[in-house]
Amino acid sequence: MNPQLQTMHELSVAMNIVEIAEEETERHHAVRVRAIHLRLGPLSGVSKEALLFSYPFACEGTSLEGSRLAIHEESAGEALEIIGLEVE
């Protein structure tokens, strides 16, 4: 896949992750997200490096700005799942 298209795909994924985390933060009346923990499988179609690169851009101007994306890689499967939030 074209590297620019790959990065655009991961930016879209990162924006969805940020949106879900913001909803959960609001639902639990948290003030700030410090980190998002994500499970990522090799068959997910998502590049870890491109997602880590895109994540700060997706966070700009949101309550997640300055948060960290912690990716826990799976050895098999299609997993792309938020498994935890560190909040204040």
N, C-alpha and C. Protein backbone atom coordinates (compact mmCIF):
# COMPACT_ATOMS: atom_id res chain seq x y z
N MET A 1 0.84 -1.18 0.00
CA MET A 1 0.00 0.00 0.00
C MET A 1 0.88 1.24 0.00
N ASN A 2 0.45 2.25 -0.69
CA ASN A 2 1.14 3.53 -0.73
C ASN A 2 1.30 4.06 0.70
N PRO A 3 2.53 4.47 1.12
CA PRO A 3 2.74 4.95 2.49
C PRO A 3 1.83 6.12 2.89
N GLN A 4 1.53 7.01 1.93
CA GLN A 4 0.64 8.13 2.25
C GLN A 4 -0.78 7.64 2.49
N LEU A 5 -1.24 6.69 1.71
CA LEU A 5 -2.57 6.13 1.91
C LEU A 5 -2.63 5.36 3.22
N GLN A 6 -1.56 4.64 3.53
CA GLN A 6 -1.51 3.89 4.79
C GLN A 6 -1.64 4.86 5.97
N THR A 7 -0.91 5.98 5.92
CA THR A 7 -0.96 6.96 7.00
C THR A 7 -2.35 7.59 7.09
N MET A 8 -3.00 7.84 5.95
CA MET A 8 -4.35 8.40 5.97
C MET A 8 -5.31 7.41 6.64
N HIS A 9 -5.14 6.13 6.34
CA HIS A 9 -5.98 5.10 6.96
C HIS A 9 -5.80 5.10 8.48
N GLU A 10 -4.55 5.14 8.94
CA GLU A 10 -4.27 5.11 10.36
C GLU A 10 -4.73 6.41 11.04
N LEU A 11 -4.69 7.54 10.32
CA LEU A 11 -5.21 8.78 10.89
C LEU A 11 -6.70 8.65 11.15
N SER A 12 -7.42 8.05 10.23
CA SER A 12 -8.85 7.81 10.40
C SER A 12 -9.09 6.88 11.60
N VAL A 13 -8.30 5.84 11.72
CA VAL A 13 -8.42 4.91 12.84
C VAL A 13 -8.13 5.66 14.15
N ALA A 14 -7.06 6.46 14.16
CA ALA A 14 -6.70 7.23 15.35
C ALA A 14 -7.81 8.20 15.75
N MET A 15 -8.44 8.83 14.78
CA MET A 15 -9.53 9.75 15.07
C MET A 15 -10.71 9.01 15.70
N ASN A 16 -10.99 7.80 15.23
CA ASN A 16 -12.05 6.99 15.83
C ASN A 16 -11.70 6.59 17.26
N ILE A 17 -10.45 6.25 17.49
CA ILE A 17 -10.01 5.89 18.85
C ILE A 17 -10.18 7.08 19.78
N VAL A 18 -9.80 8.26 19.33
CA VAL A 18 -9.93 9.47 20.14
C VAL A 18 -11.40 9.76 20.44
N GLU A 19 -12.24 9.61 19.45
CA GLU A 19 -13.68 9.86 19.64
C GLU A 19 -14.26 8.90 20.69
N ILE A 20 -13.92 7.63 20.60
CA ILE A 20 -14.41 6.64 21.57
C ILE A 20 -13.88 6.96 22.97
N ALA A 21 -12.61 7.30 23.06
CA ALA A 21 -12.02 7.62 24.37
C ALA A 21 -12.65 8.87 24.98
N GLU A 22 -12.95 9.87 24.16
CA GLU A 22 -13.61 11.08 24.67
C GLU A 22 -15.00 10.74 25.21
N GLU A 23 -15.73 9.90 24.52
CA GLU A 23 -17.07 9.49 24.98
C GLU A 23 -16.98 8.75 26.31
N GLU A 24 -16.01 7.86 26.44
CA GLU A 24 -15.84 7.11 27.69
C GLU A 24 -15.41 8.03 28.82
N THR A 25 -14.53 8.96 28.52
CA THR A 25 -14.07 9.92 29.53
C THR A 25 -15.24 10.73 30.06
N GLU A 26 -16.06 11.20 29.17
CA GLU A 26 -17.24 11.99 29.55
C GLU A 26 -18.21 11.13 30.36
N ARG A 27 -18.42 9.92 29.92
CA ARG A 27 -19.35 9.01 30.59
C ARG A 27 -18.94 8.71 32.02
N HIS A 28 -17.63 8.66 32.26
CA HIS A 28 -17.11 8.35 33.60
C HIS A 28 -16.71 9.61 34.37
N HIS A 29 -17.02 10.76 33.83
CA HIS A 29 -16.75 12.06 34.47
C HIS A 29 -15.27 12.24 34.80
N ALA A 30 -14.41 11.74 33.94
CA ALA A 30 -12.96 11.92 34.13
C ALA A 30 -12.56 13.28 33.57
N VAL A 31 -11.48 13.80 34.08
CA VAL A 31 -11.00 15.11 33.66
C VAL A 31 -10.10 15.01 32.44
N ARG A 32 -9.23 14.01 32.45
CA ARG A 32 -8.19 13.94 31.42
C ARG A 32 -7.80 12.49 31.17
N VAL A 33 -7.48 12.17 29.92
CA VAL A 33 -6.95 10.86 29.57
C VAL A 33 -5.43 10.97 29.51
N ARG A 34 -4.77 10.12 30.26
CA ARG A 34 -3.30 10.10 30.24
C ARG A 34 -2.79 9.12 29.19
N ALA A 35 -3.50 7.99 29.02
CA ALA A 35 -3.06 6.98 28.06
C ALA A 35 -4.24 6.12 27.61
N ILE A 36 -4.14 5.65 26.39
CA ILE A 36 -5.08 4.68 25.83
C ILE A 36 -4.27 3.41 25.56
N HIS A 37 -4.80 2.29 26.02
CA HIS A 37 -4.18 0.99 25.76
C HIS A 37 -4.99 0.29 24.68
N LEU A 38 -4.29 -0.14 23.65
CA LEU A 38 -4.93 -0.70 22.47
C LEU A 38 -4.33 -2.06 22.17
N ARG A 39 -5.17 -3.03 21.90
CA ARG A 39 -4.73 -4.37 21.45
C ARG A 39 -4.73 -4.35 19.93
N LEU A 40 -3.62 -4.77 19.32
CA LEU A 40 -3.48 -4.72 17.86
C LEU A 40 -2.95 -6.05 17.35
N GLY A 41 -3.73 -6.69 16.49
CA GLY A 41 -3.32 -7.96 15.89
C GLY A 41 -2.69 -7.75 14.53
N PRO A 42 -1.89 -8.70 14.08
CA PRO A 42 -1.19 -8.58 12.81
C PRO A 42 -2.11 -8.59 11.59
N LEU A 43 -3.31 -9.09 11.73
CA LEU A 43 -4.25 -9.15 10.60
C LEU A 43 -5.28 -8.02 10.64
N SER A 44 -5.05 -7.01 11.48
CA SER A 44 -5.99 -5.90 11.63
C SER A 44 -5.97 -4.95 10.43
N GLY A 45 -4.89 -4.99 9.66
CA GLY A 45 -4.77 -4.07 8.53
C GLY A 45 -4.29 -2.70 8.95
N VAL A 46 -3.79 -2.58 10.19
CA VAL A 46 -3.33 -1.30 10.73
C VAL A 46 -1.84 -1.41 11.04
N SER A 47 -1.08 -0.43 10.57
CA SER A 47 0.35 -0.37 10.83
C SER A 47 0.59 0.32 12.18
N LYS A 48 1.29 -0.37 13.07
CA LYS A 48 1.59 0.20 14.39
C LYS A 48 2.33 1.52 14.26
N GLU A 49 3.34 1.55 13.42
CA GLU A 49 4.15 2.76 13.26
C GLU A 49 3.33 3.93 12.72
N ALA A 50 2.51 3.67 11.72
CA ALA A 50 1.69 4.73 11.14
C ALA A 50 0.63 5.20 12.14
N LEU A 51 0.10 4.29 12.95
CA LEU A 51 -0.89 4.67 13.96
C LEU A 51 -0.24 5.54 15.04
N LEU A 52 0.94 5.15 15.50
CA LEU A 52 1.65 5.96 16.49
C LEU A 52 2.00 7.34 15.94
N PHE A 53 2.35 7.39 14.66
CA PHE A 53 2.65 8.67 14.01
C PHE A 53 1.40 9.55 13.93
N SER A 54 0.27 8.95 13.59
CA SER A 54 -0.97 9.69 13.36
C SER A 54 -1.67 10.11 14.65
N TYR A 55 -1.48 9.38 15.72
CA TYR A 55 -2.22 9.60 16.96
C TYR A 55 -2.13 11.04 17.48
N PRO A 56 -0.94 11.64 17.58
CA PRO A 56 -0.89 13.03 18.09
C PRO A 56 -1.69 14.01 17.23
N PHE A 57 -1.74 13.79 15.93
CA PHE A 57 -2.52 14.67 15.05
C PHE A 57 -4.01 14.51 15.32
N ALA A 58 -4.44 13.29 15.58
CA ALA A 58 -5.85 13.03 15.88
C ALA A 58 -6.25 13.66 17.22
N CYS A 59 -5.30 13.80 18.12
CA CYS A 59 -5.58 14.34 19.46
C CYS A 59 -5.60 15.87 19.51
N GLU A 60 -5.01 16.52 18.51
CA GLU A 60 -4.92 17.98 18.53
C GLU A 60 -6.29 18.62 18.73
N GLY A 61 -6.35 19.53 19.70
CA GLY A 61 -7.58 20.26 19.96
C GLY A 61 -8.64 19.47 20.70
N THR A 62 -8.30 18.28 21.20
CA THR A 62 -9.25 17.47 21.95
C THR A 62 -8.78 17.35 23.40
N SER A 63 -9.61 16.74 24.22
CA SER A 63 -9.25 16.51 25.62
C SER A 63 -8.14 15.46 25.76
N LEU A 64 -7.80 14.80 24.68
CA LEU A 64 -6.74 13.78 24.72
C LEU A 64 -5.38 14.32 24.30
N GLU A 65 -5.32 15.59 23.96
CA GLU A 65 -4.04 16.17 23.54
C GLU A 65 -3.01 15.95 24.64
N GLY A 66 -1.86 15.42 24.27
CA GLY A 66 -0.79 15.13 25.22
C GLY A 66 -0.86 13.73 25.82
N SER A 67 -1.89 12.97 25.47
CA SER A 67 -2.00 11.60 25.99
C SER A 67 -1.09 10.67 25.20
N ARG A 68 -0.96 9.47 25.72
CA ARG A 68 -0.06 8.47 25.13
C ARG A 68 -0.90 7.30 24.60
N LEU A 69 -0.48 6.75 23.48
CA LEU A 69 -1.10 5.56 22.92
C LEU A 69 -0.17 4.38 23.17
N ALA A 70 -0.62 3.45 23.99
CA ALA A 70 0.16 2.25 24.31
C ALA A 70 -0.42 1.09 23.53
N ILE A 71 0.37 0.57 22.59
CA ILE A 71 -0.10 -0.52 21.73
C ILE A 71 0.46 -1.84 22.23
N HIS A 72 -0.45 -2.77 22.50
CA HIS A 72 -0.10 -4.12 22.93
C HIS A 72 -0.32 -5.03 21.73
N GLU A 73 0.77 -5.47 21.13
CA GLU A 73 0.68 -6.28 19.92
C GLU A 73 0.35 -7.73 20.24
N GLU A 74 -0.61 -8.26 19.49
CA GLU A 74 -0.99 -9.67 19.59
C GLU A 74 -0.17 -10.45 18.56
N SER A 75 0.04 -11.72 18.82
CA SER A 75 0.83 -12.52 17.88
C SER A 75 -0.03 -13.09 16.75
N ALA A 76 -1.35 -13.07 16.93
CA ALA A 76 -2.25 -13.59 15.90
C ALA A 76 -3.59 -12.86 15.98
N GLY A 77 -4.33 -12.91 14.90
CA GLY A 77 -5.69 -12.39 14.90
C GLY A 77 -5.84 -11.01 14.30
N GLU A 78 -7.09 -10.57 14.30
CA GLU A 78 -7.47 -9.31 13.68
C GLU A 78 -7.76 -8.22 14.70
N ALA A 79 -7.34 -8.39 15.93
CA ALA A 79 -7.70 -7.48 17.02
C ALA A 79 -7.32 -6.04 16.72
N LEU A 80 -8.24 -5.16 16.97
CA LEU A 80 -8.03 -3.71 17.01
C LEU A 80 -9.05 -3.23 18.03
N GLU A 81 -8.61 -3.16 19.28
CA GLU A 81 -9.55 -2.97 20.38
C GLU A 81 -8.92 -2.12 21.48
N ILE A 82 -9.68 -1.16 21.97
CA ILE A 82 -9.26 -0.40 23.14
C ILE A 82 -9.47 -1.32 24.34
N ILE A 83 -8.39 -1.53 25.11
CA ILE A 83 -8.50 -2.43 26.26
C ILE A 83 -8.40 -1.68 27.58
N GLY A 84 -8.09 -0.39 27.53
CA GLY A 84 -8.02 0.35 28.77
C GLY A 84 -7.73 1.82 28.57
N LEU A 85 -8.15 2.61 29.53
CA LEU A 85 -7.87 4.05 29.55
C LEU A 85 -7.26 4.38 30.90
N GLU A 86 -6.22 5.19 30.90
CA GLU A 86 -5.68 5.75 32.14
C GLU A 86 -6.21 7.17 32.20
N VAL A 87 -7.01 7.47 33.23
CA VAL A 87 -7.66 8.77 33.34
C VAL A 87 -7.35 9.42 34.67
N GLU A 88 -7.57 10.71 34.73
CA GLU A 88 -7.45 11.48 35.98
C GLU A 88 -8.81 12.01 36.33
